[in-house]
Amino acid sequence: MITQPYHLYVERTDVTKNMARFYAMSIQPNLFGEACLMRRWGRIGTAGQTMSHHFETEREAVTLFLELLRQKKRRGYAAVVRQ
C-alpha cells in the first residue's frame, strides 16, 4: 500500500533550440499491492512515451523517483504550475 501520493510534472523549454519537453512521474499501487513508478515523457503537446517500473516496496520506488528527480533538475527541468 502506498502511504502518500507521489506525483511530479516538470518541463524544459528553450526557444533558441526549439526545445519543449515534459517529464511526468507518479507512484501508484498495482492490483497485487506492489508499488509502480509510472513515467511519461516527450514533447509538450504530445502523448509522449511511457515506462513503468514495478517494485515490491514503496521505499524502492521512492528511491528511483528521487534519483530521477535529481537528474531532471540537473538537466534544467522545472516544476510548472497549471491553472
C-alpha atoms as a PDB file:
ATOM      1  CA  MET A   1       0.000   0.000   0.000  1.00  0.00           C
ATOM      2  CA  ILE A   2       1.230   3.487  -0.872  1.00  0.00           C
ATOM      3  CA  THR A   3       1.379   5.703   2.229  1.00  0.00           C
ATOM      4  CA  GLN A   4       1.297   9.072   0.431  1.00  0.00           C
ATOM      5  CA  PRO A   5       0.846  10.331  -3.132  1.00  0.00           C
ATOM      6  CA  TYR A   6       3.911  10.896  -5.290  1.00  0.00           C
ATOM      7  CA  HIS A   7       3.305  12.970  -8.426  1.00  0.00           C
ATOM      8  CA  LEU A   8       5.684  15.119 -10.442  1.00  0.00           C
ATOM      9  CA  TYR A   9       5.317  17.127 -13.645  1.00  0.00           C
ATOM     10  CA  VAL A  10       8.255  19.191 -14.929  1.00  0.00           C
ATOM     11  CA  GLU A  11       9.033  20.938 -18.199  1.00  0.00           C
ATOM     12  CA  ARG A  12      12.106  22.167 -20.006  1.00  0.00           C
ATOM     13  CA  THR A  13      11.852  24.761 -22.756  1.00  0.00           C
ATOM     14  CA  ASP A  14      14.497  26.571 -24.789  1.00  0.00           C
ATOM     15  CA  VAL A  15      13.235  28.680 -27.686  1.00  0.00           C
ATOM     16  CA  THR A  16      16.688  29.005 -29.243  1.00  0.00           C
ATOM     17  CA  LYS A  17      16.932  25.199 -29.574  1.00  0.00           C
ATOM     18  CA  ASN A  18      13.225  24.663 -30.406  1.00  0.00           C
ATOM     19  CA  MET A  19      13.032  22.531 -27.248  1.00  0.00           C
ATOM     20  CA  ALA A  20       9.761  21.974 -25.405  1.00  0.00           C
ATOM     21  CA  ARG A  21       9.856  18.804 -23.286  1.00  0.00           C
ATOM     22  CA  PHE A  22       7.885  17.422 -20.387  1.00  0.00           C
ATOM     23  CA  TYR A  23       8.527  14.683 -17.856  1.00  0.00           C
ATOM     24  CA  ALA A  24       5.889  13.229 -15.522  1.00  0.00           C
ATOM     25  CA  MET A  25       6.180  10.585 -12.782  1.00  0.00           C
ATOM     26  CA  SER A  26       3.885   9.055 -10.195  1.00  0.00           C
ATOM     27  CA  ILE A  27       3.968   6.124  -7.795  1.00  0.00           C
ATOM     28  CA  GLN A  28       0.792   4.054  -7.751  1.00  0.00           C
ATOM     29  CA  PRO A  29      -0.200   0.673  -6.342  1.00  0.00           C
ATOM     30  CA  ASN A  30      -0.914  -2.134  -8.794  1.00  0.00           C
ATOM     31  CA  LEU A  31      -3.528  -4.883  -8.389  1.00  0.00           C
ATOM     32  CA  PHE A  32      -1.103  -7.029  -6.402  1.00  0.00           C
ATOM     33  CA  GLY A  33      -0.258  -4.331  -3.846  1.00  0.00           C
ATOM     34  CA  GLU A  34       3.180  -3.600  -5.306  1.00  0.00           C
ATOM     35  CA  ALA A  35       4.414  -0.069  -5.907  1.00  0.00           C
ATOM     36  CA  CYS A  36       4.658   1.009  -9.557  1.00  0.00           C
ATOM     37  CA  LEU A  37       6.639   4.001 -10.727  1.00  0.00           C
ATOM     38  CA  MET A  38       4.908   5.287 -13.843  1.00  0.00           C
ATOM     39  CA  ARG A  39       6.982   7.567 -16.103  1.00  0.00           C
ATOM     40  CA  ARG A  40       5.864   9.602 -19.127  1.00  0.00           C
ATOM     41  CA  TRP A  41       7.983  11.973 -21.219  1.00  0.00           C
ATOM     42  CA  GLY A  42       8.087  13.665 -24.598  1.00  0.00           C
ATOM     43  CA  ARG A  43       7.477  16.899 -26.478  1.00  0.00           C
ATOM     44  CA  ILE A  44       4.918  19.218 -24.893  1.00  0.00           C
ATOM     45  CA  GLY A  45       1.576  18.767 -26.651  1.00  0.00           C
ATOM     46  CA  THR A  46       2.109  15.084 -27.494  1.00  0.00           C
ATOM     47  CA  ALA A  47       1.170  11.905 -25.638  1.00  0.00           C
ATOM     48  CA  GLY A  48       4.857  11.047 -25.290  1.00  0.00           C
ATOM     49  CA  GLN A  49       6.324   7.714 -24.275  1.00  0.00           C
ATOM     50  CA  THR A  50       5.604   5.720 -21.144  1.00  0.00           C
ATOM     51  CA  MET A  51       7.509   3.295 -18.945  1.00  0.00           C
ATOM     52  CA  SER A  52       6.591   1.547 -15.723  1.00  0.00           C
ATOM     53  CA  HIS A  53       8.799   0.028 -13.041  1.00  0.00           C
ATOM     54  CA  HIS A  54       7.412  -2.492 -10.531  1.00  0.00           C
ATOM     55  CA  PHE A  55       8.787  -2.764  -7.003  1.00  0.00           C
ATOM     56  CA  GLU A  56       7.963  -4.933  -4.008  1.00  0.00           C
ATOM     57  CA  THR A  57       8.200  -1.997  -1.595  1.00  0.00           C
ATOM     58  CA  GLU A  58       7.305   1.675  -1.716  1.00  0.00           C
ATOM     59  CA  ARG A  59      10.795   2.565  -0.472  1.00  0.00           C
ATOM     60  CA  GLU A  60      12.432   1.127  -3.610  1.00  0.00           C
ATOM     61  CA  ALA A  61      10.040   3.084  -5.828  1.00  0.00           C
ATOM     62  CA  VAL A  62      10.676   6.316  -3.899  1.00  0.00           C
ATOM     63  CA  THR A  63      14.450   5.837  -4.199  1.00  0.00           C
ATOM     64  CA  LEU A  64      14.219   5.690  -8.008  1.00  0.00           C
ATOM     65  CA  PHE A  65      11.673   8.555  -8.028  1.00  0.00           C
ATOM     66  CA  LEU A  66      14.085  10.827  -6.140  1.00  0.00           C
ATOM     67  CA  GLU A  67      17.078   9.821  -8.270  1.00  0.00           C
ATOM     68  CA  LEU A  68      15.175  10.616 -11.481  1.00  0.00           C
ATOM     69  CA  LEU A  69      14.031  13.922  -9.966  1.00  0.00           C
ATOM     70  CA  ARG A  70      17.661  14.882  -9.235  1.00  0.00           C
ATOM     71  CA  GLN A  71      18.651  14.014 -12.823  1.00  0.00           C
ATOM     72  CA  LYS A  72      15.870  16.128 -14.298  1.00  0.00           C
ATOM     73  CA  LYS A  73      16.701  19.129 -12.091  1.00  0.00           C
ATOM     74  CA  ARG A  74      20.361  18.928 -13.170  1.00  0.00           C
ATOM     75  CA  ARG A  75      19.256  18.989 -16.805  1.00  0.00           C
ATOM     76  CA  GLY A  76      17.194  22.146 -16.340  1.00  0.00           C
ATOM     77  CA  TYR A  77      13.658  20.814 -15.879  1.00  0.00           C
ATOM     78  CA  ALA A  78      11.460  22.962 -13.640  1.00  0.00           C
ATOM     79  CA  ALA A  79       8.079  22.460 -11.997  1.00  0.00           C
ATOM     80  CA  VAL A  80       5.098  24.013 -13.775  1.00  0.00           C
ATOM     81  CA  VAL A  81       2.015  25.347 -12.031  1.00  0.00           C
ATOM     82  CA  ARG A  82      -1.097  24.658 -14.106  1.00  0.00           C
ATOM     83  CA  GLN A  83      -4.130  26.928 -13.675  1.00  0.00           C
END
